[in-house]
């Protein structure tokens, strides 16, 4: 077993592709929103807020993306878990370095099986819009 592993991260160029896909899809839906892309450690790579979007959406999008990368799963899975039976998960704020926002609207970005970042969307009028925009953006093809 190796003592050192190498990791991959989304680049600024990749983050720009993700944000472009998200903003284009938001335009198709006729909504605004804020889109945040974080790297594999949850650090912000790119944030864009569409004109007219509430200011709080920027912080929410970042928190959602950071939560998705920390837990390596879509934030909707966390929200569903909290709503169904694990309300104690609301107390996890502070367990990750960045804001913990377990609300639908963020997806990890994968290179094969490896999480290289995440995208979070907030302020697209409904949680369902945040969710579909983030899912669409996370599926954007990225080059090696």
C-alpha atoms as a PDB file:
ATOM      1  CA  UNK A   1       0.000   0.000   0.000  1.00  0.00           C
ATOM      2  CA  UNK A   2       1.309   3.422  -0.940  1.00  0.00           C
ATOM      3  CA  UNK A   3       2.182   6.018   1.652  1.00  0.00           C
ATOM      4  CA  UNK A   4       1.373   8.893  -0.707  1.00  0.00           C
ATOM      5  CA  UNK A   5      -1.572   9.336  -3.012  1.00  0.00           C
ATOM      6  CA  UNK A   6      -2.077  11.838  -5.752  1.00  0.00           C
ATOM      7  CA  UNK A   7      -5.268  13.824  -6.053  1.00  0.00           C
ATOM      8  CA  UNK A   8      -6.974  15.665  -8.848  1.00  0.00           C
ATOM      9  CA  UNK A   9      -8.815  18.963  -8.670  1.00  0.00           C
ATOM     10  CA  UNK A  10     -11.070  20.849 -10.974  1.00  0.00           C
ATOM     11  CA  UNK A  11      -9.272  23.767 -12.638  1.00  0.00           C
ATOM     12  CA  UNK A  12     -10.498  27.299 -13.184  1.00  0.00           C
ATOM     13  CA  UNK A  13     -11.067  26.387 -16.830  1.00  0.00           C
ATOM     14  CA  UNK A  14     -13.194  23.405 -15.780  1.00  0.00           C
ATOM     15  CA  UNK A  15     -15.090  25.528 -13.269  1.00  0.00           C
ATOM     16  CA  UNK A  16     -15.865  28.046 -16.012  1.00  0.00           C
ATOM     17  CA  UNK A  17     -17.376  25.240 -18.129  1.00  0.00           C
ATOM     18  CA  UNK A  18     -19.509  24.102 -15.192  1.00  0.00           C
ATOM     19  CA  UNK A  19     -20.730  27.644 -14.491  1.00  0.00           C
ATOM     20  CA  UNK A  20     -21.455  28.254 -18.193  1.00  0.00           C
ATOM     21  CA  UNK A  21     -23.581  25.091 -18.322  1.00  0.00           C
ATOM     22  CA  UNK A  22     -25.432  26.112 -15.151  1.00  0.00           C
ATOM     23  CA  UNK A  23     -26.149  29.672 -16.282  1.00  0.00           C
ATOM     24  CA  UNK A  24     -27.311  28.460 -19.704  1.00  0.00           C
ATOM     25  CA  UNK A  25     -29.690  25.973 -18.085  1.00  0.00           C
ATOM     26  CA  UNK A  26     -30.968  28.605 -15.653  1.00  0.00           C
ATOM     27  CA  UNK A  27     -31.684  30.859 -18.644  1.00  0.00           C
ATOM     28  CA  UNK A  28     -33.655  28.014 -20.281  1.00  0.00           C
ATOM     29  CA  UNK A  29     -35.713  27.734 -17.103  1.00  0.00           C
ATOM     30  CA  UNK A  30     -36.118  31.517 -16.944  1.00  0.00           C
ATOM     31  CA  UNK A  31     -34.587  31.817 -13.477  1.00  0.00           C
ATOM     32  CA  UNK A  32     -31.604  33.451 -11.840  1.00  0.00           C
ATOM     33  CA  UNK A  33     -29.306  31.907  -9.297  1.00  0.00           C
ATOM     34  CA  UNK A  34     -25.824  31.806  -7.891  1.00  0.00           C
ATOM     35  CA  UNK A  35     -23.433  29.053  -8.932  1.00  0.00           C
ATOM     36  CA  UNK A  36     -20.382  28.067  -6.895  1.00  0.00           C
ATOM     37  CA  UNK A  37     -17.697  25.582  -7.877  1.00  0.00           C
ATOM     38  CA  UNK A  38     -15.295  24.265  -5.242  1.00  0.00           C
ATOM     39  CA  UNK A  39     -12.251  22.011  -5.565  1.00  0.00           C
ATOM     40  CA  UNK A  40     -11.840  18.617  -3.905  1.00  0.00           C
ATOM     41  CA  UNK A  41     -10.953  20.246  -0.576  1.00  0.00           C
ATOM     42  CA  UNK A  42     -14.007  22.511  -0.612  1.00  0.00           C
ATOM     43  CA  UNK A  43     -12.141  25.690  -1.478  1.00  0.00           C
ATOM     44  CA  UNK A  44     -13.915  28.119  -3.779  1.00  0.00           C
ATOM     45  CA  UNK A  45     -12.698  28.100  -7.381  1.00  0.00           C
ATOM     46  CA  UNK A  46     -15.432  30.188  -9.016  1.00  0.00           C
ATOM     47  CA  UNK A  47     -18.635  31.934  -7.981  1.00  0.00           C
ATOM     48  CA  UNK A  48     -21.094  33.663 -10.279  1.00  0.00           C
ATOM     49  CA  UNK A  49     -24.377  35.329  -9.318  1.00  0.00           C
ATOM     50  CA  UNK A  50     -26.808  36.010 -12.139  1.00  0.00           C
ATOM     51  CA  UNK A  51     -28.136  39.582 -12.148  1.00  0.00           C
ATOM     52  CA  UNK A  52     -31.199  40.004  -9.965  1.00  0.00           C
ATOM     53  CA  UNK A  53     -30.465  36.980  -7.769  1.00  0.00           C
ATOM     54  CA  UNK A  54     -30.820  37.514  -4.015  1.00  0.00           C
ATOM     55  CA  UNK A  55     -27.491  38.286  -2.371  1.00  0.00           C
ATOM     56  CA  UNK A  56     -27.745  35.413   0.130  1.00  0.00           C
ATOM     57  CA  UNK A  57     -27.661  32.941  -2.764  1.00  0.00           C
ATOM     58  CA  UNK A  58     -23.884  33.344  -3.150  1.00  0.00           C
ATOM     59  CA  UNK A  59     -23.120  32.122   0.370  1.00  0.00           C
ATOM     60  CA  UNK A  60     -25.727  29.359   0.107  1.00  0.00           C
ATOM     61  CA  UNK A  61     -24.345  28.099  -3.218  1.00  0.00           C
ATOM     62  CA  UNK A  62     -20.825  27.990  -1.763  1.00  0.00           C
ATOM     63  CA  UNK A  63     -22.032  26.185   1.359  1.00  0.00           C
ATOM     64  CA  UNK A  64     -23.971  23.639  -0.673  1.00  0.00           C
ATOM     65  CA  UNK A  65     -20.968  22.926  -2.911  1.00  0.00           C
ATOM     66  CA  UNK A  66     -18.618  22.606   0.081  1.00  0.00           C
ATOM     67  CA  UNK A  67     -21.072  20.225   1.749  1.00  0.00           C
ATOM     68  CA  UNK A  68     -21.412  18.071  -1.392  1.00  0.00           C
ATOM     69  CA  UNK A  69     -17.650  17.693  -1.743  1.00  0.00           C
ATOM     70  CA  UNK A  70     -17.107  17.000   1.975  1.00  0.00           C
ATOM     71  CA  UNK A  71     -19.745  14.255   2.039  1.00  0.00           C
ATOM     72  CA  UNK A  72     -19.046  13.043  -1.539  1.00  0.00           C
ATOM     73  CA  UNK A  73     -22.725  12.987  -2.404  1.00  0.00           C
ATOM     74  CA  UNK A  74     -25.493  15.258  -3.647  1.00  0.00           C
ATOM     75  CA  UNK A  75     -26.829  17.484  -0.910  1.00  0.00           C
ATOM     76  CA  UNK A  76     -30.370  16.327  -1.696  1.00  0.00           C
ATOM     77  CA  UNK A  77     -29.422  12.967  -0.175  1.00  0.00           C
ATOM     78  CA  UNK A  78     -28.476  14.758   3.044  1.00  0.00           C
ATOM     79  CA  UNK A  79     -31.646  16.851   3.023  1.00  0.00           C
ATOM     80  CA  UNK A  80     -33.771  13.732   2.448  1.00  0.00           C
ATOM     81  CA  UNK A  81     -31.993  11.936   5.278  1.00  0.00           C
ATOM     82  CA  UNK A  82     -32.594  14.831   7.659  1.00  0.00           C
ATOM     83  CA  UNK A  83     -36.265  15.069   6.696  1.00  0.00           C
ATOM     84  CA  UNK A  84     -36.856  11.347   6.999  1.00  0.00           C
ATOM     85  CA  UNK A  85     -35.198  10.367  10.261  1.00  0.00           C
ATOM     86  CA  UNK A  86     -31.806  11.890  11.050  1.00  0.00           C
ATOM     87  CA  UNK A  87     -32.525  15.414  12.270  1.00  0.00           C
ATOM     88  CA  UNK A  88     -29.371  15.137  14.379  1.00  0.00           C
ATOM     89  CA  UNK A  89     -27.436  15.754  11.138  1.00  0.00           C
ATOM     90  CA  UNK A  90     -28.450  19.403  11.438  1.00  0.00           C
ATOM     91  CA  UNK A  91     -25.957  19.593  14.296  1.00  0.00           C
ATOM     92  CA  UNK A  92     -22.979  18.857  12.048  1.00  0.00           C
ATOM     93  CA  UNK A  93     -22.249  22.541  11.419  1.00  0.00           C
ATOM     94  CA  UNK A  94     -18.601  23.062  12.248  1.00  0.00           C
ATOM     95  CA  UNK A  95     -17.525  19.522  11.372  1.00  0.00           C
ATOM     96  CA  UNK A  96     -16.242  20.745   8.021  1.00  0.00           C
ATOM     97  CA  UNK A  97     -14.105  23.801   7.453  1.00  0.00           C
ATOM     98  CA  UNK A  98     -16.618  25.543   5.202  1.00  0.00           C
ATOM     99  CA  UNK A  99     -20.305  26.290   5.749  1.00  0.00           C
ATOM    100  CA  UNK A 100     -22.514  23.190   6.096  1.00  0.00           C
ATOM    101  CA  UNK A 101     -25.645  23.608   3.975  1.00  0.00           C
ATOM    102  CA  UNK A 102     -27.466  20.262   3.611  1.00  0.00           C
ATOM    103  CA  UNK A 103     -30.100  21.542   1.177  1.00  0.00           C
ATOM    104  CA  UNK A 104     -30.784  20.234  -2.307  1.00  0.00           C
ATOM    105  CA  UNK A 105     -28.898  21.946  -5.105  1.00  0.00           C
ATOM    106  CA  UNK A 106     -25.309  20.644  -5.090  1.00  0.00           C
ATOM    107  CA  UNK A 107     -23.501  17.733  -6.707  1.00  0.00           C
ATOM    108  CA  UNK A 108     -19.972  16.393  -6.548  1.00  0.00           C
ATOM    109  CA  UNK A 109     -18.010  16.562  -9.806  1.00  0.00           C
ATOM    110  CA  UNK A 110     -16.282  13.303 -10.667  1.00  0.00           C
ATOM    111  CA  UNK A 111     -13.330  12.223 -12.763  1.00  0.00           C
ATOM    112  CA  UNK A 112     -14.144   8.529 -12.927  1.00  0.00           C
ATOM    113  CA  UNK A 113     -14.650   7.520  -9.290  1.00  0.00           C
ATOM    114  CA  UNK A 114     -12.597  10.442  -7.922  1.00  0.00           C
ATOM    115  CA  UNK A 115     -14.322  13.567  -6.593  1.00  0.00           C
ATOM    116  CA  UNK A 116     -12.500  16.561  -8.095  1.00  0.00           C
ATOM    117  CA  UNK A 117     -14.880  19.257  -6.876  1.00  0.00           C
ATOM    118  CA  UNK A 118     -18.546  20.146  -6.551  1.00  0.00           C
ATOM    119  CA  UNK A 119     -21.082  22.605  -7.885  1.00  0.00           C
ATOM    120  CA  UNK A 120     -23.723  24.302  -5.777  1.00  0.00           C
ATOM    121  CA  UNK A 121     -26.686  26.369  -6.931  1.00  0.00           C
ATOM    122  CA  UNK A 122     -28.950  28.612  -4.867  1.00  0.00           C
ATOM    123  CA  UNK A 123     -31.495  31.328  -5.513  1.00  0.00           C
ATOM    124  CA  UNK A 124     -33.069  29.810  -8.637  1.00  0.00           C
ATOM    125  CA  UNK A 125     -36.547  30.458  -7.161  1.00  0.00           C
ATOM    126  CA  UNK A 126     -37.119  26.900  -5.866  1.00  0.00           C
ATOM    127  CA  UNK A 127     -35.033  24.137  -4.392  1.00  0.00           C
ATOM    128  CA  UNK A 128     -36.100  21.938  -7.292  1.00  0.00           C
ATOM    129  CA  UNK A 129     -34.649  24.465  -9.769  1.00  0.00           C
ATOM    130  CA  UNK A 130     -31.425  24.627  -7.749  1.00  0.00           C
ATOM    131  CA  UNK A 131     -31.326  20.811  -7.887  1.00  0.00           C
ATOM    132  CA  UNK A 132     -31.855  20.352 -11.634  1.00  0.00           C
ATOM    133  CA  UNK A 133     -29.434  23.130 -12.548  1.00  0.00           C
ATOM    134  CA  UNK A 134     -26.715  21.677 -10.302  1.00  0.00           C
ATOM    135  CA  UNK A 135     -27.293  18.143 -11.604  1.00  0.00           C
ATOM    136  CA  UNK A 136     -27.119  19.386 -15.210  1.00  0.00           C
ATOM    137  CA  UNK A 137     -23.939  21.383 -14.534  1.00  0.00           C
ATOM    138  CA  UNK A 138     -22.201  18.507 -12.694  1.00  0.00           C
ATOM    139  CA  UNK A 139     -22.657  16.337 -15.793  1.00  0.00           C
ATOM    140  CA  UNK A 140     -20.701  18.778 -17.983  1.00  0.00           C
ATOM    141  CA  UNK A 141     -17.881  16.938 -19.794  1.00  0.00           C
ATOM    142  CA  UNK A 142     -14.416  18.102 -18.754  1.00  0.00           C
ATOM    143  CA  UNK A 143     -11.171  17.475 -20.609  1.00  0.00           C
ATOM    144  CA  UNK A 144      -8.060  15.930 -19.064  1.00  0.00           C
END
